[in-house]
Amino acid sequence: MATTIPPKPRRADRKPGSLYRRMMRLLKDDPRTSEEIARILDLPQGWLAQLRNGDIPKPGVHRAQFIYEKLSGKKLTP
């Protein structure tokens, strides 16, 4: 009897990766306002507030890495 392998989830259906989760944890735990963080990161305050509220589920890996590195003070190695 042949076993079938379930199809790999489509990209849009995948759970967020660990970089996204760590970046979101940093944003949620940061006591500063979205306006203050946006100024530090040089990002639009409205966009950052939406991200922080979970309204932007996929900010893009480069932007997630940028935010993570700026807020954590740690560089991710290639």
PDB file of N, CA and C in Angstrom:
ATOM      1  N   MET A   1       0.833  -1.171   0.000  1.00  0.00           N
ATOM      2  CA  MET A   1       0.000   0.000   0.000  1.00  0.00           C
ATOM      3  C   MET A   1       0.886   1.245   0.000  1.00  0.00           C
ATOM      4  N   ALA A   2       0.675   2.097  -0.955  1.00  0.00           N
ATOM      5  CA  ALA A   2       1.488   3.302  -1.087  1.00  0.00           C
ATOM      6  C   ALA A   2       0.998   4.384  -0.127  1.00  0.00           C
ATOM      7  N   THR A   3       1.961   5.043   0.475  1.00  0.00           N
ATOM      8  CA  THR A   3       1.591   6.150   1.353  1.00  0.00           C
ATOM      9  C   THR A   3       1.742   7.449   0.575  1.00  0.00           C
ATOM     10  N   THR A   4       0.862   8.359   0.838  1.00  0.00           N
ATOM     11  CA  THR A   4       0.954   9.643   0.155  1.00  0.00           C
ATOM     12  C   THR A   4       1.542  10.670   1.106  1.00  0.00           C
ATOM     13  N   ILE A   5       2.346  11.497   0.549  1.00  0.00           N
ATOM     14  CA  ILE A   5       2.976  12.570   1.317  1.00  0.00           C
ATOM     15  C   ILE A   5       2.097  13.803   1.169  1.00  0.00           C
ATOM     16  N   PRO A   6       1.701  14.402   2.292  1.00  0.00           N
ATOM     17  CA  PRO A   6       0.866  15.607   2.168  1.00  0.00           C
ATOM     18  C   PRO A   6       1.639  16.724   1.481  1.00  0.00           C
ATOM     19  N   PRO A   7       0.939  17.541   0.726  1.00  0.00           N
ATOM     20  CA  PRO A   7       1.633  18.635   0.033  1.00  0.00           C
ATOM     21  C   PRO A   7       2.232  19.620   1.017  1.00  0.00           C
ATOM     22  N   LYS A   8       3.356  20.189   0.605  1.00  0.00           N
ATOM     23  CA  LYS A   8       4.026  21.215   1.411  1.00  0.00           C
ATOM     24  C   LYS A   8       3.119  22.449   1.460  1.00  0.00           C
ATOM     25  N   PRO A   9       2.986  23.070   2.636  1.00  0.00           N
ATOM     26  CA  PRO A   9       2.118  24.257   2.709  1.00  0.00           C
ATOM     27  C   PRO A   9       2.598  25.340   1.760  1.00  0.00           C
ATOM     28  N   ARG A  10       1.640  26.026   1.177  1.00  0.00           N
ATOM     29  CA  ARG A  10       2.008  27.152   0.324  1.00  0.00           C
ATOM     30  C   ARG A  10       2.683  28.205   1.175  1.00  0.00           C
ATOM     31  N   ARG A  11       3.500  29.010   0.548  1.00  0.00           N
ATOM     32  CA  ARG A  11       4.234  30.052   1.281  1.00  0.00           C
ATOM     33  C   ARG A  11       3.318  30.913   2.130  1.00  0.00           C
ATOM     34  N   ALA A  12       2.174  31.276   1.580  1.00  0.00           N
ATOM     35  CA  ALA A  12       1.256  32.159   2.300  1.00  0.00           C
ATOM     36  C   ALA A  12       0.664  31.479   3.535  1.00  0.00           C
ATOM     37  N   ASP A  13       0.661  30.142   3.560  1.00  0.00           N
ATOM     38  CA  ASP A  13       0.052  29.402   4.662  1.00  0.00           C
ATOM     39  C   ASP A  13       1.046  29.033   5.755  1.00  0.00           C
ATOM     40  N   ARG A  14       2.321  29.309   5.547  1.00  0.00           N
ATOM     41  CA  ARG A  14       3.336  28.913   6.527  1.00  0.00           C
ATOM     42  C   ARG A  14       3.301  29.815   7.747  1.00  0.00           C
ATOM     43  N   LYS A  15       3.715  29.252   8.871  1.00  0.00           N
ATOM     44  CA  LYS A  15       3.798  30.027  10.109  1.00  0.00           C
ATOM     45  C   LYS A  15       5.003  30.957  10.029  1.00  0.00           C
ATOM     46  N   PRO A  16       4.930  32.087  10.734  1.00  0.00           N
ATOM     47  CA  PRO A  16       6.072  33.012  10.720  1.00  0.00           C
ATOM     48  C   PRO A  16       7.327  32.341  11.276  1.00  0.00           C
ATOM     49  N   GLY A  17       8.473  32.724  10.739  1.00  0.00           N
ATOM     50  CA  GLY A  17       9.742  32.155  11.172  1.00  0.00           C
ATOM     51  C   GLY A  17      10.226  32.733  12.486  1.00  0.00           C
ATOM     52  N   SER A  18      11.320  32.194  12.956  1.00  0.00           N
ATOM     53  CA  SER A  18      11.836  32.615  14.261  1.00  0.00           C
ATOM     54  C   SER A  18      12.322  34.062  14.252  1.00  0.00           C
ATOM     55  N   LEU A  19      12.848  34.544  13.135  1.00  0.00           N
ATOM     56  CA  LEU A  19      13.277  35.946  13.075  1.00  0.00           C
ATOM     57  C   LEU A  19      12.081  36.861  13.288  1.00  0.00           C
ATOM     58  N   TYR A  20      10.985  36.560  12.623  1.00  0.00           N
ATOM     59  CA  TYR A  20       9.767  37.361  12.778  1.00  0.00           C
ATOM     60  C   TYR A  20       9.290  37.326  14.232  1.00  0.00           C
ATOM     61  N   ARG A  21       9.266  36.145  14.825  1.00  0.00           N
ATOM     62  CA  ARG A  21       8.805  36.020  16.215  1.00  0.00           C
ATOM     63  C   ARG A  21       9.709  36.789  17.173  1.00  0.00           C
ATOM     64  N   ARG A  22      11.028  36.717  16.974  1.00  0.00           N
ATOM     65  CA  ARG A  22      11.952  37.446  17.845  1.00  0.00           C
ATOM     66  C   ARG A  22      11.822  38.952  17.665  1.00  0.00           C
ATOM     67  N   MET A  23      11.643  39.389  16.421  1.00  0.00           N
ATOM     68  CA  MET A  23      11.466  40.816  16.151  1.00  0.00           C
ATOM     69  C   MET A  23      10.181  41.313  16.813  1.00  0.00           C
ATOM     70  N   MET A  24       9.101  40.554  16.682  1.00  0.00           N
ATOM     71  CA  MET A  24       7.829  40.956  17.285  1.00  0.00           C
ATOM     72  C   MET A  24       7.926  40.983  18.805  1.00  0.00           C
ATOM     73  N   ARG A  25       8.656  40.050  19.389  1.00  0.00           N
ATOM     74  CA  ARG A  25       8.826  40.041  20.843  1.00  0.00           C
ATOM     75  C   ARG A  25       9.566  41.301  21.281  1.00  0.00           C
ATOM     76  N   LEU A  26      10.598  41.679  20.536  1.00  0.00           N
ATOM     77  CA  LEU A  26      11.326  42.908  20.862  1.00  0.00           C
ATOM     78  C   LEU A  26      10.417  44.132  20.778  1.00  0.00           C
ATOM     79  N   LEU A  27       9.600  44.191  19.727  1.00  0.00           N
ATOM     80  CA  LEU A  27       8.694  45.328  19.558  1.00  0.00           C
ATOM     81  C   LEU A  27       7.644  45.380  20.669  1.00  0.00           C
ATOM     82  N   LYS A  28       7.091  44.235  20.994  1.00  0.00           N
ATOM     83  CA  LYS A  28       6.034  44.205  22.019  1.00  0.00           C
ATOM     84  C   LYS A  28       6.580  44.482  23.413  1.00  0.00           C
ATOM     85  N   ASP A  29       7.801  44.039  23.683  1.00  0.00           N
ATOM     86  CA  ASP A  29       8.390  44.229  25.015  1.00  0.00           C
ATOM     87  C   ASP A  29       9.023  45.610  25.201  1.00  0.00           C
ATOM     88  N   ASP A  30       9.234  46.328  24.117  1.00  0.00           N
ATOM     89  CA  ASP A  30       9.877  47.639  24.200  1.00  0.00           C
ATOM     90  C   ASP A  30       8.907  48.646  24.825  1.00  0.00           C
ATOM     91  N   PRO A  31       9.324  49.315  25.891  1.00  0.00           N
ATOM     92  CA  PRO A  31       8.413  50.255  26.570  1.00  0.00           C
ATOM     93  C   PRO A  31       8.207  51.571  25.813  1.00  0.00           C
ATOM     94  N   ARG A  32       9.027  51.840  24.810  1.00  0.00           N
ATOM     95  CA  ARG A  32       8.899  53.088  24.057  1.00  0.00           C
ATOM     96  C   ARG A  32       7.660  53.053  23.167  1.00  0.00           C
ATOM     97  N   THR A  33       7.194  54.228  22.794  1.00  0.00           N
ATOM     98  CA  THR A  33       6.038  54.322  21.899  1.00  0.00           C
ATOM     99  C   THR A  33       6.468  53.956  20.478  1.00  0.00           C
ATOM    100  N   SER A  34       5.474  53.641  19.652  1.00  0.00           N
ATOM    101  CA  SER A  34       5.764  53.351  18.244  1.00  0.00           C
ATOM    102  C   SER A  34       6.405  54.554  17.575  1.00  0.00           C
ATOM    103  N   GLU A  35       5.992  55.744  17.974  1.00  0.00           N
ATOM    104  CA  GLU A  35       6.571  56.962  17.405  1.00  0.00           C
ATOM    105  C   GLU A  35       8.063  57.062  17.728  1.00  0.00           C
ATOM    106  N   GLU A  36       8.432  56.779  18.968  1.00  0.00           N
ATOM    107  CA  GLU A  36       9.846  56.833  19.363  1.00  0.00           C
ATOM    108  C   GLU A  36      10.670  55.780  18.625  1.00  0.00           C
ATOM    109  N   ILE A  37      10.139  54.564  18.557  1.00  0.00           N
ATOM    110  CA  ILE A  37      10.869  53.486  17.866  1.00  0.00           C
ATOM    111  C   ILE A  37      10.995  53.805  16.388  1.00  0.00           C
ATOM    112  N   ALA A  38       9.919  54.303  15.784  1.00  0.00           N
ATOM    113  CA  ALA A  38       9.948  54.655  14.358  1.00  0.00           C
ATOM    114  C   ALA A  38      11.025  55.696  14.082  1.00  0.00           C
ATOM    115  N   ARG A  39      11.156  56.654  14.976  1.00  0.00           N
ATOM    116  CA  ARG A  39      12.178  57.699  14.812  1.00  0.00           C
ATOM    117  C   ARG A  39      13.573  57.075  14.862  1.00  0.00           C
ATOM    118  N   ILE A  40      13.785  56.176  15.810  1.00  0.00           N
ATOM    119  CA  ILE A  40      15.084  55.512  15.954  1.00  0.00           C
ATOM    120  C   ILE A  40      15.408  54.685  14.716  1.00  0.00           C
ATOM    121  N   LEU A  41      14.390  53.979  14.198  1.00  0.00           N
ATOM    122  CA  LEU A  41      14.598  53.094  13.051  1.00  0.00           C
ATOM    123  C   LEU A  41      14.491  53.809  11.712  1.00  0.00           C
ATOM    124  N   ASP A  42      14.038  55.070  11.733  1.00  0.00           N
ATOM    125  CA  ASP A  42      13.805  55.834  10.512  1.00  0.00           C
ATOM    126  C   ASP A  42      12.801  55.114   9.607  1.00  0.00           C
ATOM    127  N   LEU A  43      11.679  54.683  10.235  1.00  0.00           N
ATOM    128  CA  LEU A  43      10.588  54.022   9.510  1.00  0.00           C
ATOM    129  C   LEU A  43       9.316  54.833   9.744  1.00  0.00           C
ATOM    130  N   PRO A  44       8.341  54.731   8.832  1.00  0.00           N
ATOM    131  CA  PRO A  44       7.077  55.445   9.037  1.00  0.00           C
ATOM    132  C   PRO A  44       6.382  54.976  10.320  1.00  0.00           C
ATOM    133  N   GLN A  45       5.949  55.928  11.136  1.00  0.00           N
ATOM    134  CA  GLN A  45       5.338  55.594  12.421  1.00  0.00           C
ATOM    135  C   GLN A  45       4.059  54.781  12.243  1.00  0.00           C
ATOM    136  N   GLY A  46       3.237  55.120  11.262  1.00  0.00           N
ATOM    137  CA  GLY A  46       1.993  54.385  11.026  1.00  0.00           C
ATOM    138  C   GLY A  46       2.246  52.930  10.674  1.00  0.00           C
ATOM    139  N   TRP A  47       3.246  52.709   9.816  1.00  0.00           N
ATOM    140  CA  TRP A  47       3.594  51.344   9.413  1.00  0.00           C
ATOM    141  C   TRP A  47       4.082  50.553  10.619  1.00  0.00           C
ATOM    142  N   LEU A  48       4.937  51.168  11.429  1.00  0.00           N
ATOM    143  CA  LEU A  48       5.476  50.476  12.598  1.00  0.00           C
ATOM    144  C   LEU A  48       4.369  50.163  13.604  1.00  0.00           C
ATOM    145  N   ALA A  49       3.440  51.077  13.799  1.00  0.00           N
ATOM    146  CA  ALA A  49       2.319  50.835  14.713  1.00  0.00           C
ATOM    147  C   ALA A  49       1.477  49.666  14.221  1.00  0.00           C
ATOM    148  N   GLN A  50       1.244  49.591  12.908  1.00  0.00           N
ATOM    149  CA  GLN A  50       0.489  48.468  12.341  1.00  0.00           C
ATOM    150  C   GLN A  50       1.246  47.161  12.552  1.00  0.00           C
ATOM    151  N   LEU A  51       2.541  47.182  12.326  1.00  0.00           N
ATOM    152  CA  LEU A  51       3.364  45.984  12.530  1.00  0.00           C
ATOM    153  C   LEU A  51       3.295  45.543  13.984  1.00  0.00           C
ATOM    154  N   ARG A  52       3.453  46.474  14.875  1.00  0.00           N
ATOM    155  CA  ARG A  52       3.454  46.193  16.308  1.00  0.00           C
ATOM    156  C   ARG A  52       2.109  45.618  16.768  1.00  0.00           C
ATOM    157  N   ASN A  53       1.022  46.040  16.132  1.00  0.00           N
ATOM    158  CA  ASN A  53      -0.316  45.546  16.471  1.00  0.00           C
ATOM    159  C   ASN A  53      -0.637  44.220  15.792  1.00  0.00           C
ATOM    160  N   GLY A  54       0.266  43.746  14.932  1.00  0.00           N
ATOM    161  CA  GLY A  54       0.033  42.480  14.245  1.00  0.00           C
ATOM    162  C   GLY A  54      -0.767  42.611  12.971  1.00  0.00           C
ATOM    163  N   ASP A  55      -0.950  43.837  12.479  1.00  0.00           N
ATOM    164  CA  ASP A  55      -1.723  44.068  11.263  1.00  0.00           C
ATOM    165  C   ASP A  55      -0.910  43.827   9.989  1.00  0.00           C
ATOM    166  N   ILE A  56       0.401  43.677  10.127  1.00  0.00           N
ATOM    167  CA  ILE A  56       1.265  43.379   8.974  1.00  0.00           C
ATOM    168  C   ILE A  56       1.937  42.042   9.275  1.00  0.00           C
ATOM    169  N   PRO A  57       1.356  40.938   8.777  1.00  0.00           N
ATOM    170  CA  PRO A  57       1.886  39.620   9.123  1.00  0.00           C
ATOM    171  C   PRO A  57       3.208  39.270   8.433  1.00  0.00           C
ATOM    172  N   LYS A  58       3.522  39.940   7.329  1.00  0.00           N
ATOM    173  CA  LYS A  58       4.742  39.617   6.582  1.00  0.00           C
ATOM    174  C   LYS A  58       5.474  40.902   6.192  1.00  0.00           C
ATOM    175  N   PRO A  59       6.299  41.408   7.088  1.00  0.00           N
ATOM    176  CA  PRO A  59       6.981  42.668   6.786  1.00  0.00           C
ATOM    177  C   PRO A  59       8.154  42.525   5.816  1.00  0.00           C
ATOM    178  N   GLY A  60       8.546  41.325   5.502  1.00  0.00           N
ATOM    179  CA  GLY A  60       9.709  41.107   4.647  1.00  0.00           C
ATOM    180  C   GLY A  60      10.931  40.803   5.492  1.00  0.00           C
ATOM    181  N   VAL A  61      11.720  39.878   5.029  1.00  0.00           N
ATOM    182  CA  VAL A  61      12.850  39.395   5.821  1.00  0.00           C
ATOM    183  C   VAL A  61      13.904  40.475   6.046  1.00  0.00           C
ATOM    184  N   HIS A  62      14.153  41.313   5.049  1.00  0.00           N
ATOM    185  CA  HIS A  62      15.178  42.349   5.207  1.00  0.00           C
ATOM    186  C   HIS A  62      14.763  43.390   6.245  1.00  0.00           C
ATOM    187  N   ARG A  63      13.505  43.769   6.208  1.00  0.00           N
ATOM    188  CA  ARG A  63      13.029  44.753   7.177  1.00  0.00           C
ATOM    189  C   ARG A  63      12.974  44.128   8.573  1.00  0.00           C
ATOM    190  N   ALA A  64      12.547  42.863   8.668  1.00  0.00           N
ATOM    191  CA  ALA A  64      12.513  42.179   9.964  1.00  0.00           C
ATOM    192  C   ALA A  64      13.923  42.084  10.548  1.00  0.00           C
ATOM    193  N   GLN A  65      14.894  41.749   9.705  1.00  0.00           N
ATOM    194  CA  GLN A  65      16.280  41.651  10.163  1.00  0.00           C
ATOM    195  C   GLN A  65      16.785  43.015  10.624  1.00  0.00           C
ATOM    196  N   PHE A  66      16.475  44.058   9.863  1.00  0.00           N
ATOM    197  CA  PHE A  66      16.899  45.412  10.212  1.00  0.00           C
ATOM    198  C   PHE A  66      16.346  45.809  11.584  1.00  0.00           C
ATOM    199  N   ILE A  67      15.048  45.582  11.787  1.00  0.00           N
ATOM    200  CA  ILE A  67      14.411  45.938  13.061  1.00  0.00           C
ATOM    201  C   ILE A  67      15.007  45.120  14.194  1.00  0.00           C
ATOM    202  N   TYR A  68      15.168  43.819  13.963  1.00  0.00           N
ATOM    203  CA  TYR A  68      15.736  42.955  15.001  1.00  0.00           C
ATOM    204  C   TYR A  68      17.135  43.434  15.405  1.00  0.00           C
ATOM    205  N   GLU A  69      17.977  43.677  14.414  1.00  0.00           N
ATOM    206  CA  GLU A  69      19.360  44.076  14.701  1.00  0.00           C
ATOM    207  C   GLU A  69      19.413  45.421  15.426  1.00  0.00           C
ATOM    208  N   LYS A  70      18.576  46.371  15.020  1.00  0.00           N
ATOM    209  CA  LYS A  70      18.592  47.694  15.659  1.00  0.00           C
ATOM    210  C   LYS A  70      18.108  47.620  17.105  1.00  0.00           C
ATOM    211  N   LEU A  71      17.026  46.868  17.342  1.00  0.00           N
ATOM    212  CA  LEU A  71      16.453  46.828  18.689  1.00  0.00           C
ATOM    213  C   LEU A  71      17.222  45.917  19.639  1.00  0.00           C
ATOM    214  N   SER A  72      17.812  44.852  19.103  1.00  0.00           N
ATOM    215  CA  SER A  72      18.528  43.911  19.971  1.00  0.00           C
ATOM    216  C   SER A  72      19.994  44.297  20.164  1.00  0.00           C
ATOM    217  N   GLY A  73      20.536  45.058  19.206  1.00  0.00           N
ATOM    218  CA  GLY A  73      21.946  45.401  19.241  1.00  0.00           C
ATOM    219  C   GLY A  73      22.823  44.242  18.811  1.00  0.00           C
ATOM    220  N   LYS A  74      22.210  43.213  18.212  1.00  0.00           N
ATOM    221  CA  LYS A  74      22.950  42.027  17.762  1.00  0.00           C
ATOM    222  C   LYS A  74      22.883  41.935  16.248  1.00  0.00           C
ATOM    223  N   LYS A  75      24.017  41.656  15.636  1.00  0.00           N
ATOM    224  CA  LYS A  75      24.083  41.453  14.189  1.00  0.00           C
ATOM    225  C   LYS A  75      23.837  39.978  13.897  1.00  0.00           C
ATOM    226  N   LEU A  76      23.003  39.705  12.914  1.00  0.00           N
ATOM    227  CA  LEU A  76      22.799  38.333  12.472  1.00  0.00           C
ATOM    228  C   LEU A  76      23.910  37.987  11.497  1.00  0.00           C
ATOM    229  N   THR A  77      24.470  36.822  11.650  1.00  0.00           N
ATOM    230  CA  THR A  77      25.552  36.414  10.755  1.00  0.00           C
ATOM    231  C   THR A  77      24.970  35.813   9.499  1.00  0.00           C
ATOM    232  N   PRO A  78      25.630  36.043   8.373  1.00  0.00           N
ATOM    233  CA  PRO A  78      25.125  35.505   7.099  1.00  0.00           C
ATOM    234  C   PRO A  78      25.227  34.002   7.022  1.00  0.00           C
TER     235      PRO A  78
END
